[in-house]
Amino acid sequence: MHINRIVSSINLLKGKKVSYTMMLLFIALSATSKIVYIATDGNDSNPGTITSPYATLNKAQSVVAAGDTVYFRGGTYSVSESQIMEISGIFARVFKLDKSGNAAQRICYFGYPGERPVFDLTAVKPADKRVYVFFVSGSYLHFRNFEVVGTQVTITEHTQSECFHHEGGNNCIYENLAMHDGMAVGFYITKGSNNLILNCDAYNNWDNVSEDKKGGNTDGFGGHVNNAMYTGNVFRGCRAWYNSDDGFDLINCFAPFVIENCWAFKNGYSPAGENLANGAGFKSGGYGMSGYSSAHRPFLPCRREQKSRLLRESSFRRFRFYQQYCLPQSF
């Protein structure tokens, strides 16, 4: 912000104690926020500017704080196993995002405007580990405009990998993301409140390695919060297709969850028409919960696009579905 504009604004606010205080707070927050850049031709020894960007999210994560923005420039980021930030037990957390913003200053992880970065996990195959590409436990984070492809499964028993695993953070936004052409669940949440998953896509995901190779755990979106206190979570405007298991799965959800204006089609099949796992469009759940939702809006009927029913009621409790869609047979 230009210093002359700051001075002019303060002069106009003389005698207005609250507004003056707010202006000073705004100036202080603006002065402490920074933008860092990552590019496919960057280097982690660079200062992280737009002309001298970093190479990895690992480096950017080490320097960001509340109010900062990380921009990913366009291109494909071929992630290596050396970038795995944490291995704990059977879990390999590639990008561990445990820093938090606050209500006034989110930490933002954005694809650069007009470009579409892609994180390719094809080479990340830690033996006998579940791969979590983005492991998120921080609050007040905002993710927007990038893709995750090629996420792998290496365990041959019952397991699953996940492109986004949300565990504990509150008030986060996941916007305009695509998780596709891999073996992993697109998005999976177990802990946290008031998180919005907005206009995201999960498609062409099939675990053909573990168990019977039918991909029985590979859903597009999984809402599985494990405590009744984790309320306010929303899937809005999201789409799931050609995932080897279900489109949206909430079978182990213990709190109310809203699914609004979302689409599910051709789950349970591969793009080549191979018959895979369950294939429910929307699988409700809520094992262990009590009480029932008081409001459900109509569903549009879906025939033959889902291997199972559009809505599969495992334990239909405390869920609100708003205008869910499935594409017609001719799509």
C-alpha atoms as a PDB file:
ATOM      1  CA  MET A   1       0.000   0.000   0.000  1.00  0.00           C
ATOM      2  CA  HIS A   2       1.367   3.430  -0.987  1.00  0.00           C
ATOM      3  CA  ILE A   3       2.476   5.493   2.041  1.00  0.00           C
ATOM      4  CA  ASN A   4       0.685   8.677   0.830  1.00  0.00           C
ATOM      5  CA  ARG A   5      -2.625   6.816   0.635  1.00  0.00           C
ATOM      6  CA  ILE A   6      -2.084   5.489   4.141  1.00  0.00           C
ATOM      7  CA  VAL A   7      -1.447   8.988   5.494  1.00  0.00           C
ATOM      8  CA  SER A   8      -4.491  10.384   3.679  1.00  0.00           C
ATOM      9  CA  SER A   9      -6.717   7.649   5.041  1.00  0.00           C
ATOM     10  CA  ILE A  10      -5.505   8.262   8.589  1.00  0.00           C
ATOM     11  CA  ASN A  11      -6.086  12.027   8.273  1.00  0.00           C
ATOM     12  CA  LEU A  12      -9.658  11.414   7.159  1.00  0.00           C
ATOM     13  CA  LEU A  13     -10.233   9.197  10.189  1.00  0.00           C
ATOM     14  CA  LYS A  14      -8.971  11.592  12.850  1.00  0.00           C
ATOM     15  CA  GLY A  15     -11.262  11.578  15.855  1.00  0.00           C
ATOM     16  CA  LYS A  16     -12.824   8.247  14.873  1.00  0.00           C
ATOM     17  CA  LYS A  17     -11.222   6.005  17.435  1.00  0.00           C
ATOM     18  CA  VAL A  18     -12.551   2.658  16.267  1.00  0.00           C
ATOM     19  CA  SER A  19     -11.890   3.260  12.575  1.00  0.00           C
ATOM     20  CA  TYR A  20      -8.439   4.660  13.327  1.00  0.00           C
ATOM     21  CA  THR A  21      -7.563   1.577  15.333  1.00  0.00           C
ATOM     22  CA  MET A  22      -8.823  -0.662  12.594  1.00  0.00           C
ATOM     23  CA  MET A  23      -6.775   1.235  10.029  1.00  0.00           C
ATOM     24  CA  LEU A  24      -3.626   0.804  12.080  1.00  0.00           C
ATOM     25  CA  LEU A  25      -4.357  -2.887  12.444  1.00  0.00           C
ATOM     26  CA  PHE A  26      -4.876  -3.199   8.694  1.00  0.00           C
ATOM     27  CA  ILE A  27      -1.570  -1.442   8.000  1.00  0.00           C
ATOM     28  CA  ALA A  28       0.253  -3.671  10.469  1.00  0.00           C
ATOM     29  CA  LEU A  29      -1.211  -6.838   8.967  1.00  0.00           C
ATOM     30  CA  SER A  30      -0.423  -5.733   5.409  1.00  0.00           C
ATOM     31  CA  ALA A  31       3.150  -4.925   6.340  1.00  0.00           C
ATOM     32  CA  THR A  32       3.797  -8.371   7.770  1.00  0.00           C
ATOM     33  CA  SER A  33       2.214 -10.467   4.999  1.00  0.00           C
ATOM     34  CA  LYS A  34       4.333 -11.774   2.153  1.00  0.00           C
ATOM     35  CA  ILE A  35       4.000 -13.636  -1.136  1.00  0.00           C
ATOM     36  CA  VAL A  36       6.318 -16.456  -2.133  1.00  0.00           C
ATOM     37  CA  TYR A  37       6.501 -18.227  -5.471  1.00  0.00           C
ATOM     38  CA  ILE A  38       7.262 -21.795  -6.564  1.00  0.00           C
ATOM     39  CA  ALA A  39       8.082 -22.777 -10.136  1.00  0.00           C
ATOM     40  CA  THR A  40       9.134 -25.923 -11.956  1.00  0.00           C
ATOM     41  CA  ASP A  41      12.434 -24.229 -12.859  1.00  0.00           C
ATOM     42  CA  GLY A  42      12.931 -22.704  -9.414  1.00  0.00           C
ATOM     43  CA  ASN A  43      15.574 -23.373  -6.806  1.00  0.00           C
ATOM     44  CA  ASP A  44      15.163 -23.626  -3.054  1.00  0.00           C
ATOM     45  CA  SER A  45      18.254 -21.464  -2.582  1.00  0.00           C
ATOM     46  CA  ASN A  46      16.424 -18.594  -4.318  1.00  0.00           C
ATOM     47  CA  PRO A  47      14.611 -15.899  -2.317  1.00  0.00           C
ATOM     48  CA  GLY A  48      11.198 -17.126  -3.462  1.00  0.00           C
ATOM     49  CA  THR A  49      10.266 -14.052  -5.509  1.00  0.00           C
ATOM     50  CA  ILE A  50       8.372 -14.101  -8.781  1.00  0.00           C
ATOM     51  CA  THR A  51      11.637 -13.720 -10.711  1.00  0.00           C
ATOM     52  CA  SER A  52      13.655 -16.072  -8.462  1.00  0.00           C
ATOM     53  CA  PRO A  53      11.145 -18.659  -7.202  1.00  0.00           C
ATOM     54  CA  TYR A  54      11.559 -21.666  -4.949  1.00  0.00           C
ATOM     55  CA  ALA A  55      11.413 -25.161  -6.400  1.00  0.00           C
ATOM     56  CA  THR A  56       9.388 -26.979  -3.732  1.00  0.00           C
ATOM     57  CA  LEU A  57       6.447 -26.554  -1.417  1.00  0.00           C
ATOM     58  CA  ASN A  58       8.687 -27.944   1.313  1.00  0.00           C
ATOM     59  CA  LYS A  59      10.788 -24.783   1.193  1.00  0.00           C
ATOM     60  CA  ALA A  60       7.805 -22.450   0.984  1.00  0.00           C
ATOM     61  CA  GLN A  61       6.136 -24.138   3.950  1.00  0.00           C
ATOM     62  CA  SER A  62       9.228 -23.516   6.060  1.00  0.00           C
ATOM     63  CA  VAL A  63       8.897 -19.738   5.681  1.00  0.00           C
ATOM     64  CA  VAL A  64       5.155 -18.978   5.546  1.00  0.00           C
ATOM     65  CA  ALA A  65       3.060 -17.597   8.387  1.00  0.00           C
ATOM     66  CA  ALA A  66      -0.460 -16.249   8.889  1.00  0.00           C
ATOM     67  CA  GLY A  67      -1.397 -13.822   6.117  1.00  0.00           C
ATOM     68  CA  ASP A  68       1.062 -15.182   3.562  1.00  0.00           C
ATOM     69  CA  THR A  69       0.315 -16.498   0.070  1.00  0.00           C
ATOM     70  CA  VAL A  70       2.169 -19.236  -1.805  1.00  0.00           C
ATOM     71  CA  TYR A  71       1.765 -19.082  -5.596  1.00  0.00           C
ATOM     72  CA  PHE A  72       2.474 -22.182  -7.689  1.00  0.00           C
ATOM     73  CA  ARG A  73       3.430 -21.205 -11.223  1.00  0.00           C
ATOM     74  CA  GLY A  74       2.039 -23.329 -14.042  1.00  0.00           C
ATOM     75  CA  GLY A  75       3.547 -26.610 -15.196  1.00  0.00           C
ATOM     76  CA  THR A  76       4.005 -30.121 -13.853  1.00  0.00           C
ATOM     77  CA  TYR A  77       5.806 -30.646 -10.556  1.00  0.00           C
ATOM     78  CA  SER A  78       7.291 -34.142 -10.581  1.00  0.00           C
ATOM     79  CA  VAL A  79       7.377 -34.904  -6.873  1.00  0.00           C
ATOM     80  CA  SER A  80      10.086 -37.263  -5.583  1.00  0.00           C
ATOM     81  CA  GLU A  81      10.200 -39.412  -2.471  1.00  0.00           C
ATOM     82  CA  SER A  82      12.914 -37.121  -1.093  1.00  0.00           C
ATOM     83  CA  GLN A  83      10.192 -34.487  -0.661  1.00  0.00           C
ATOM     84  CA  ILE A  84       8.153 -36.556   1.802  1.00  0.00           C
ATOM     85  CA  MET A  85       7.975 -34.290   4.836  1.00  0.00           C
ATOM     86  CA  GLU A  86       6.981 -36.891   7.424  1.00  0.00           C
ATOM     87  CA  ILE A  87       6.787 -40.649   7.787  1.00  0.00           C
ATOM     88  CA  SER A  88       4.875 -41.816  10.840  1.00  0.00           C
ATOM     89  CA  GLY A  89       4.033 -45.486  11.208  1.00  0.00           C
ATOM     90  CA  ILE A  90       2.388 -46.608   7.983  1.00  0.00           C
ATOM     91  CA  PHE A  91       1.737 -43.039   6.803  1.00  0.00           C
ATOM     92  CA  ALA A  92       3.861 -41.093   4.338  1.00  0.00           C
ATOM     93  CA  ARG A  93       2.800 -37.432   4.489  1.00  0.00           C
ATOM     94  CA  VAL A  94       4.300 -35.799   1.449  1.00  0.00           C
ATOM     95  CA  PHE A  95       3.332 -32.197   2.189  1.00  0.00           C
ATOM     96  CA  LYS A  96       2.560 -31.659   5.876  1.00  0.00           C
ATOM     97  CA  LEU A  97       0.681 -28.390   6.259  1.00  0.00           C
ATOM     98  CA  ASP A  98       0.327 -27.836   9.985  1.00  0.00           C
ATOM     99  CA  LYS A  99       0.719 -24.059  10.186  1.00  0.00           C
ATOM    100  CA  SER A 100      -2.432 -21.997  10.758  1.00  0.00           C
ATOM    101  CA  GLY A 101      -3.717 -18.642   9.677  1.00  0.00           C
ATOM    102  CA  ASN A 102      -6.474 -16.823  11.520  1.00  0.00           C
ATOM    103  CA  ALA A 103      -9.842 -15.231  10.766  1.00  0.00           C
ATOM    104  CA  ALA A 104      -8.200 -12.060   9.435  1.00  0.00           C
ATOM    105  CA  GLN A 105      -5.165 -13.658   7.783  1.00  0.00           C
ATOM    106  CA  ARG A 106      -5.436 -16.992   6.031  1.00  0.00           C
ATOM    107  CA  ILE A 107      -2.450 -18.834   4.643  1.00  0.00           C
ATOM    108  CA  CYS A 108      -3.165 -19.292   0.939  1.00  0.00           C
ATOM    109  CA  TYR A 109      -1.801 -21.931  -1.444  1.00  0.00           C
ATOM    110  CA  PHE A 110      -2.876 -20.846  -4.932  1.00  0.00           C
ATOM    111  CA  GLY A 111      -2.170 -21.790  -8.487  1.00  0.00           C
ATOM    112  CA  TYR A 112      -0.964 -18.617 -10.155  1.00  0.00           C
ATOM    113  CA  PRO A 113      -3.788 -16.736 -11.928  1.00  0.00           C
ATOM    114  CA  GLY A 114      -4.192 -17.839 -15.538  1.00  0.00           C
ATOM    115  CA  GLU A 115      -2.026 -20.940 -15.013  1.00  0.00           C
ATOM    116  CA  ARG A 116      -2.832 -24.463 -13.838  1.00  0.00           C
ATOM    117  CA  PRO A 117      -0.072 -26.246 -11.873  1.00  0.00           C
ATOM    118  CA  VAL A 118      -0.094 -30.044 -11.554  1.00  0.00           C
ATOM    119  CA  PHE A 119       1.546 -32.121  -8.814  1.00  0.00           C
ATOM    120  CA  ASP A 120       2.522 -35.502 -10.245  1.00  0.00           C
ATOM    121  CA  LEU A 121       3.026 -38.209  -7.587  1.00  0.00           C
ATOM    122  CA  THR A 122       3.796 -41.064  -9.964  1.00  0.00           C
ATOM    123  CA  ALA A 123       7.337 -41.475  -8.608  1.00  0.00           C
ATOM    124  CA  VAL A 124       6.316 -41.421  -4.909  1.00  0.00           C
ATOM    125  CA  LYS A 125       6.043 -45.112  -3.989  1.00  0.00           C
ATOM    126  CA  PRO A 126       7.249 -45.605  -0.400  1.00  0.00           C
ATOM    127  CA  ALA A 127       7.105 -49.309   0.356  1.00  0.00           C
ATOM    128  CA  ASP A 128       4.283 -50.407   2.652  1.00  0.00           C
ATOM    129  CA  LYS A 129       3.098 -46.836   3.341  1.00  0.00           C
ATOM    130  CA  ARG A 130      -0.185 -45.027   2.861  1.00  0.00           C
ATOM    131  CA  VAL A 131       0.509 -41.925   0.804  1.00  0.00           C
ATOM    132  CA  TYR A 132      -1.160 -38.684   1.931  1.00  0.00           C
ATOM    133  CA  VAL A 133      -0.156 -36.059  -0.609  1.00  0.00           C
ATOM    134  CA  PHE A 134      -1.484 -32.965   1.201  1.00  0.00           C
ATOM    135  CA  PHE A 135      -1.811 -33.711   4.910  1.00  0.00           C
ATOM    136  CA  VAL A 136      -3.636 -30.738   6.394  1.00  0.00           C
ATOM    137  CA  SER A 137      -3.993 -30.089  10.131  1.00  0.00           C
ATOM    138  CA  GLY A 138      -3.749 -26.287  10.111  1.00  0.00           C
ATOM    139  CA  SER A 139      -6.731 -23.923  10.356  1.00  0.00           C
ATOM    140  CA  TYR A 140      -7.720 -20.943   8.223  1.00  0.00           C
ATOM    141  CA  LEU A 141      -5.984 -22.240   5.108  1.00  0.00           C
ATOM    142  CA  HIS A 142      -7.133 -21.713   1.524  1.00  0.00           C
ATOM    143  CA  PHE A 143      -6.182 -24.015  -1.373  1.00  0.00           C
ATOM    144  CA  ARG A 144      -7.153 -23.041  -4.931  1.00  0.00           C
ATOM    145  CA  ASN A 145      -6.535 -23.822  -8.585  1.00  0.00           C
ATOM    146  CA  PHE A 146      -4.214 -26.802  -8.917  1.00  0.00           C
ATOM    147  CA  GLU A 147      -4.263 -30.545  -9.607  1.00  0.00           C
ATOM    148  CA  VAL A 148      -2.931 -33.719  -8.014  1.00  0.00           C
ATOM    149  CA  VAL A 149      -2.325 -36.715 -10.297  1.00  0.00           C
ATOM    150  CA  GLY A 150      -0.667 -40.109 -10.170  1.00  0.00           C
ATOM    151  CA  THR A 151      -0.993 -40.794  -6.418  1.00  0.00           C
ATOM    152  CA  GLN A 152       0.190 -44.337  -5.732  1.00  0.00           C
ATOM    153  CA  VAL A 153      -0.734 -47.333  -3.560  1.00  0.00           C
ATOM    154  CA  THR A 154       2.008 -49.763  -2.512  1.00  0.00           C
ATOM    155  CA  ILE A 155       0.296 -51.859   0.169  1.00  0.00           C
ATOM    156  CA  THR A 156      -1.324 -55.035  -1.139  1.00  0.00           C
ATOM    157  CA  GLU A 157      -3.618 -55.580   1.867  1.00  0.00           C
ATOM    158  CA  HIS A 158      -6.573 -53.403   2.922  1.00  0.00           C
ATOM    159  CA  THR A 159      -5.447 -49.781   2.581  1.00  0.00           C
ATOM    160  CA  GLN A 160      -5.950 -46.457   0.843  1.00  0.00           C
ATOM    161  CA  SER A 161      -3.918 -43.443  -0.257  1.00  0.00           C
ATOM    162  CA  GLU A 162      -5.374 -39.930  -0.359  1.00  0.00           C
ATOM    163  CA  CYS A 163      -4.680 -36.798  -2.377  1.00  0.00           C
ATOM    164  CA  PHE A 164      -5.953 -34.532   0.411  1.00  0.00           C
ATOM    165  CA  HIS A 165      -6.230 -35.750   3.989  1.00  0.00           C
ATOM    166  CA  HIS A 166      -7.769 -33.184   6.320  1.00  0.00           C
ATOM    167  CA  GLU A 167      -7.234 -33.939   9.998  1.00  0.00           C
ATOM    168  CA  GLY A 168      -7.932 -31.350  12.675  1.00  0.00           C
ATOM    169  CA  GLY A 169      -7.989 -27.978  10.942  1.00  0.00           C
ATOM    170  CA  ASN A 170     -10.997 -25.651  11.090  1.00  0.00           C
ATOM    171  CA  ASN A 171     -12.317 -23.000   8.702  1.00  0.00           C
ATOM    172  CA  CYS A 172     -10.316 -24.137   5.683  1.00  0.00           C
ATOM    173  CA  ILE A 173     -11.326 -23.730   2.032  1.00  0.00           C
ATOM    174  CA  TYR A 174     -10.493 -26.154  -0.780  1.00  0.00           C
ATOM    175  CA  GLU A 175     -11.479 -24.546  -4.077  1.00  0.00           C
ATOM    176  CA  ASN A 176     -11.236 -25.486  -7.745  1.00  0.00           C
ATOM    177  CA  LEU A 177      -8.950 -28.457  -7.211  1.00  0.00           C
ATOM    178  CA  ALA A 178      -8.765 -31.627  -9.292  1.00  0.00           C
ATOM    179  CA  MET A 179      -7.585 -35.005  -8.036  1.00  0.00           C
ATOM    180  CA  HIS A 180      -7.436 -37.511 -10.840  1.00  0.00           C
ATOM    181  CA  ASP A 181      -5.756 -40.317 -12.730  1.00  0.00           C
ATOM    182  CA  GLY A 182      -4.270 -41.984  -9.685  1.00  0.00           C
ATOM    183  CA  MET A 183      -4.997 -44.710  -7.148  1.00  0.00           C
ATOM    184  CA  ALA A 184      -6.107 -42.496  -4.270  1.00  0.00           C
ATOM    185  CA  VAL A 185      -9.206 -41.011  -2.683  1.00  0.00           C
ATOM    186  CA  GLY A 186      -9.576 -37.438  -3.898  1.00  0.00           C
ATOM    187  CA  PHE A 187     -10.440 -35.737  -0.603  1.00  0.00           C
ATOM    188  CA  TYR A 188     -10.864 -37.262   2.875  1.00  0.00           C
ATOM    189  CA  ILE A 189     -11.687 -35.541   6.177  1.00  0.00           C
ATOM    190  CA  THR A 190     -11.606 -37.089   9.671  1.00  0.00           C
ATOM    191  CA  LYS A 191     -11.381 -34.106  12.061  1.00  0.00           C
ATOM    192  CA  GLY A 192     -12.224 -30.419  11.915  1.00  0.00           C
ATOM    193  CA  SER A 193     -15.188 -28.041  11.648  1.00  0.00           C
ATOM    194  CA  ASN A 194     -16.510 -25.442   9.210  1.00  0.00           C
ATOM    195  CA  ASN A 195     -14.442 -26.557   6.262  1.00  0.00           C
ATOM    196  CA  LEU A 196     -15.660 -25.881   2.716  1.00  0.00           C
ATOM    197  CA  ILE A 197     -14.788 -28.073  -0.270  1.00  0.00           C
ATOM    198  CA  LEU A 198     -15.892 -25.961  -3.221  1.00  0.00           C
ATOM    199  CA  ASN A 199     -16.077 -26.768  -6.948  1.00  0.00           C
ATOM    200  CA  CYS A 200     -13.569 -29.613  -6.774  1.00  0.00           C
ATOM    201  CA  ASP A 201     -13.322 -32.650  -9.068  1.00  0.00           C
ATOM    202  CA  ALA A 202     -12.242 -36.240  -8.367  1.00  0.00           C
ATOM    203  CA  TYR A 203     -12.138 -38.620 -11.304  1.00  0.00           C
ATOM    204  CA  ASN A 204     -10.356 -41.557 -12.954  1.00  0.00           C
ATOM    205  CA  ASN A 205      -9.042 -42.893  -9.640  1.00  0.00           C
ATOM    206  CA  TRP A 206      -8.631 -46.659  -9.213  1.00  0.00           C
ATOM    207  CA  ASP A 207      -6.508 -48.603  -6.748  1.00  0.00           C
ATOM    208  CA  ASN A 208      -5.625 -51.702  -8.769  1.00  0.00           C
ATOM    209  CA  VAL A 209      -2.911 -52.814  -6.348  1.00  0.00           C
ATOM    210  CA  SER A 210      -4.438 -53.652  -2.958  1.00  0.00           C
ATOM    211  CA  GLU A 211      -6.745 -56.524  -1.958  1.00  0.00           C
ATOM    212  CA  ASP A 212      -8.831 -57.723  -4.922  1.00  0.00           C
ATOM    213  CA  LYS A 213      -7.590 -54.912  -7.179  1.00  0.00           C
ATOM    214  CA  LYS A 214     -11.139 -53.606  -7.602  1.00  0.00           C
ATOM    215  CA  GLY A 215     -10.387 -50.370  -5.755  1.00  0.00           C
ATOM    216  CA  GLY A 216     -12.927 -50.826  -2.977  1.00  0.00           C
ATOM    217  CA  ASN A 217     -11.719 -47.831  -0.936  1.00  0.00           C
ATOM    218  CA  THR A 218     -11.083 -45.360  -3.727  1.00  0.00           C
ATOM    219  CA  ASP A 219     -13.893 -42.820  -3.427  1.00  0.00           C
ATOM    220  CA  GLY A 220     -14.025 -39.387  -4.936  1.00  0.00           C
ATOM    221  CA  PHE A 221     -14.815 -37.614  -1.662  1.00  0.00           C
ATOM    222  CA  GLY A 222     -14.913 -38.995   1.871  1.00  0.00           C
ATOM    223  CA  GLY A 223     -16.614 -37.211   4.761  1.00  0.00           C
ATOM    224  CA  HIS A 224     -15.711 -39.278   7.820  1.00  0.00           C
ATOM    225  CA  VAL A 225     -15.447 -36.914  10.788  1.00  0.00           C
ATOM    226  CA  ASN A 226     -15.016 -39.070  13.868  1.00  0.00           C
ATOM    227  CA  ASN A 227     -16.650 -36.908  16.536  1.00  0.00           C
ATOM    228  CA  ALA A 228     -20.055 -35.210  16.797  1.00  0.00           C
ATOM    229  CA  MET A 229     -18.405 -31.877  17.571  1.00  0.00           C
ATOM    230  CA  TYR A 230     -16.993 -31.573  14.026  1.00  0.00           C
ATOM    231  CA  THR A 231     -19.890 -29.728  12.415  1.00  0.00           C
ATOM    232  CA  GLY A 232     -20.253 -27.199   9.607  1.00  0.00           C
ATOM    233  CA  ASN A 233     -18.392 -29.134   6.908  1.00  0.00           C
ATOM    234  CA  VAL A 234     -19.675 -28.758   3.349  1.00  0.00           C
ATOM    235  CA  PHE A 235     -19.135 -30.316  -0.076  1.00  0.00           C
ATOM    236  CA  ARG A 236     -20.463 -27.728  -2.532  1.00  0.00           C
ATOM    237  CA  GLY A 237     -20.418 -27.848  -6.309  1.00  0.00           C
ATOM    238  CA  CYS A 238     -18.114 -30.874  -6.376  1.00  0.00           C
ATOM    239  CA  ARG A 239     -18.087 -33.632  -8.999  1.00  0.00           C
ATOM    240  CA  ALA A 240     -17.024 -37.274  -8.839  1.00  0.00           C
ATOM    241  CA  TRP A 241     -16.851 -39.703 -11.753  1.00  0.00           C
ATOM    242  CA  TYR A 242     -14.993 -42.864 -12.731  1.00  0.00           C
ATOM    243  CA  ASN A 243     -13.771 -43.488  -9.192  1.00  0.00           C
ATOM    244  CA  SER A 244     -13.451 -47.211  -8.581  1.00  0.00           C
ATOM    245  CA  ASP A 245     -15.607 -47.121  -5.441  1.00  0.00           C
ATOM    246  CA  ASP A 246     -18.133 -44.404  -4.529  1.00  0.00           C
ATOM    247  CA  GLY A 247     -18.566 -40.813  -5.603  1.00  0.00           C
ATOM    248  CA  PHE A 248     -19.256 -39.395  -2.128  1.00  0.00           C
ATOM    249  CA  ASP A 249     -18.883 -41.644   0.933  1.00  0.00           C
ATOM    250  CA  LEU A 250     -19.944 -40.645   4.468  1.00  0.00           C
ATOM    251  CA  ILE A 251     -20.382 -44.107   5.937  1.00  0.00           C
ATOM    252  CA  ASN A 252     -18.258 -43.388   9.029  1.00  0.00           C
ATOM    253  CA  CYS A 253     -19.399 -39.808   9.628  1.00  0.00           C
ATOM    254  CA  PHE A 254     -20.378 -38.914  13.213  1.00  0.00           C
ATOM    255  CA  ALA A 255     -21.617 -35.347  12.653  1.00  0.00           C
ATOM    256  CA  PRO A 256     -23.957 -33.450  10.304  1.00  0.00           C
ATOM    257  CA  PHE A 257     -22.485 -32.878   6.858  1.00  0.00           C
ATOM    258  CA  VAL A 258     -23.908 -30.840   3.982  1.00  0.00           C
ATOM    259  CA  ILE A 259     -23.623 -31.952   0.351  1.00  0.00           C
ATOM    260  CA  GLU A 260     -24.894 -29.208  -1.938  1.00  0.00           C
ATOM    261  CA  ASN A 261     -25.130 -28.986  -5.740  1.00  0.00           C
ATOM    262  CA  CYS A 262     -22.786 -31.930  -6.278  1.00  0.00           C
ATOM    263  CA  TRP A 263     -22.612 -34.460  -9.102  1.00  0.00           C
ATOM    264  CA  ALA A 264     -21.794 -38.170  -9.146  1.00  0.00           C
ATOM    265  CA  PHE A 265     -21.772 -40.442 -12.186  1.00  0.00           C
ATOM    266  CA  LYS A 266     -20.109 -43.581 -13.552  1.00  0.00           C
ATOM    267  CA  ASN A 267     -18.462 -44.440 -10.236  1.00  0.00           C
ATOM    268  CA  GLY A 268     -17.721 -48.142  -9.805  1.00  0.00           C
ATOM    269  CA  TYR A 269     -16.487 -48.338 -13.383  1.00  0.00           C
ATOM    270  CA  SER A 270     -13.275 -47.554 -15.209  1.00  0.00           C
ATOM    271  CA  PRO A 271     -13.316 -45.259 -18.267  1.00  0.00           C
ATOM    272  CA  ALA A 272     -13.021 -48.445 -20.337  1.00  0.00           C
ATOM    273  CA  GLY A 273     -16.203 -49.812 -18.750  1.00  0.00           C
ATOM    274  CA  GLU A 274     -14.565 -52.333 -16.411  1.00  0.00           C
ATOM    275  CA  ASN A 275     -16.756 -53.391 -13.505  1.00  0.00           C
ATOM    276  CA  LEU A 276     -15.020 -52.334 -10.283  1.00  0.00           C
ATOM    277  CA  ALA A 277     -16.188 -51.770  -6.671  1.00  0.00           C
ATOM    278  CA  ASN A 278     -19.433 -50.505  -5.046  1.00  0.00           C
ATOM    279  CA  GLY A 279     -20.165 -47.518  -7.236  1.00  0.00           C
ATOM    280  CA  ALA A 280     -22.670 -45.647  -5.069  1.00  0.00           C
ATOM    281  CA  GLY A 281     -23.169 -42.052  -6.104  1.00  0.00           C
ATOM    282  CA  PHE A 282     -23.772 -40.752  -2.568  1.00  0.00           C
ATOM    283  CA  LYS A 283     -23.318 -43.140   0.329  1.00  0.00           C
ATOM    284  CA  SER A 284     -24.750 -41.791   3.559  1.00  0.00           C
ATOM    285  CA  GLY A 285     -23.551 -43.137   6.875  1.00  0.00           C
ATOM    286  CA  GLY A 286     -23.177 -41.897  10.384  1.00  0.00           C
ATOM    287  CA  TYR A 287     -22.474 -45.076  12.311  1.00  0.00           C
ATOM    288  CA  GLY A 288     -22.841 -44.354  16.012  1.00  0.00           C
ATOM    289  CA  MET A 289     -24.942 -41.231  15.541  1.00  0.00           C
ATOM    290  CA  SER A 290     -28.416 -40.594  16.871  1.00  0.00           C
ATOM    291  CA  GLY A 291     -31.152 -38.419  15.469  1.00  0.00           C
ATOM    292  CA  TYR A 292     -32.168 -37.777  11.894  1.00  0.00           C
ATOM    293  CA  SER A 293     -31.996 -34.883   9.526  1.00  0.00           C
ATOM    294  CA  SER A 294     -35.155 -32.812   9.333  1.00  0.00           C
ATOM    295  CA  ALA A 295     -34.660 -31.536   5.793  1.00  0.00           C
ATOM    296  CA  HIS A 296     -33.907 -33.364   2.579  1.00  0.00           C
ATOM    297  CA  ARG A 297     -34.506 -31.880  -0.833  1.00  0.00           C
ATOM    298  CA  PRO A 298     -35.397 -34.043  -3.820  1.00  0.00           C
ATOM    299  CA  PHE A 299     -32.874 -36.005  -5.810  1.00  0.00           C
ATOM    300  CA  LEU A 300     -32.935 -36.272  -9.556  1.00  0.00           C
ATOM    301  CA  PRO A 301     -33.247 -39.944 -10.519  1.00  0.00           C
ATOM    302  CA  CYS A 302     -30.211 -41.760 -11.853  1.00  0.00           C
ATOM    303  CA  ARG A 303     -30.336 -44.990 -13.803  1.00  0.00           C
ATOM    304  CA  ARG A 304     -27.502 -47.191 -14.979  1.00  0.00           C
ATOM    305  CA  GLU A 305     -24.896 -44.464 -14.562  1.00  0.00           C
ATOM    306  CA  GLN A 306     -24.063 -45.719 -11.085  1.00  0.00           C
ATOM    307  CA  LYS A 307     -23.235 -49.346 -10.429  1.00  0.00           C
ATOM    308  CA  SER A 308     -25.123 -49.046  -7.151  1.00  0.00           C
ATOM    309  CA  ARG A 309     -27.899 -46.629  -6.292  1.00  0.00           C
ATOM    310  CA  LEU A 310     -27.404 -42.896  -6.549  1.00  0.00           C
ATOM    311  CA  LEU A 311     -28.099 -42.690  -2.810  1.00  0.00           C
ATOM    312  CA  ARG A 312     -27.092 -45.639  -0.685  1.00  0.00           C
ATOM    313  CA  GLU A 313     -28.440 -45.461   2.830  1.00  0.00           C
ATOM    314  CA  SER A 314     -26.097 -47.270   5.184  1.00  0.00           C
ATOM    315  CA  SER A 315     -27.393 -45.378   8.186  1.00  0.00           C
ATOM    316  CA  PHE A 316     -29.302 -42.343   6.990  1.00  0.00           C
ATOM    317  CA  ARG A 317     -28.810 -39.820   9.777  1.00  0.00           C
ATOM    318  CA  ARG A 318     -28.098 -36.127  10.096  1.00  0.00           C
ATOM    319  CA  PHE A 319     -27.247 -35.412   6.497  1.00  0.00           C
ATOM    320  CA  ARG A 320     -28.650 -32.708   4.283  1.00  0.00           C
ATOM    321  CA  PHE A 321     -28.466 -33.167   0.547  1.00  0.00           C
ATOM    322  CA  TYR A 322     -29.259 -30.177  -1.652  1.00  0.00           C
ATOM    323  CA  GLN A 323     -29.966 -30.757  -5.341  1.00  0.00           C
ATOM    324  CA  GLN A 324     -27.654 -33.654  -6.105  1.00  0.00           C
ATOM    325  CA  TYR A 325     -27.308 -34.638  -9.740  1.00  0.00           C
ATOM    326  CA  CYS A 326     -26.422 -37.589 -11.886  1.00  0.00           C
ATOM    327  CA  LEU A 327     -25.915 -37.265 -15.607  1.00  0.00           C
ATOM    328  CA  PRO A 328     -28.304 -38.928 -18.065  1.00  0.00           C
ATOM    329  CA  GLN A 329     -27.412 -42.174 -19.769  1.00  0.00           C
ATOM    330  CA  SER A 330     -26.527 -40.419 -23.009  1.00  0.00           C
ATOM    331  CA  PHE A 331     -23.826 -38.210 -21.484  1.00  0.00           C
END
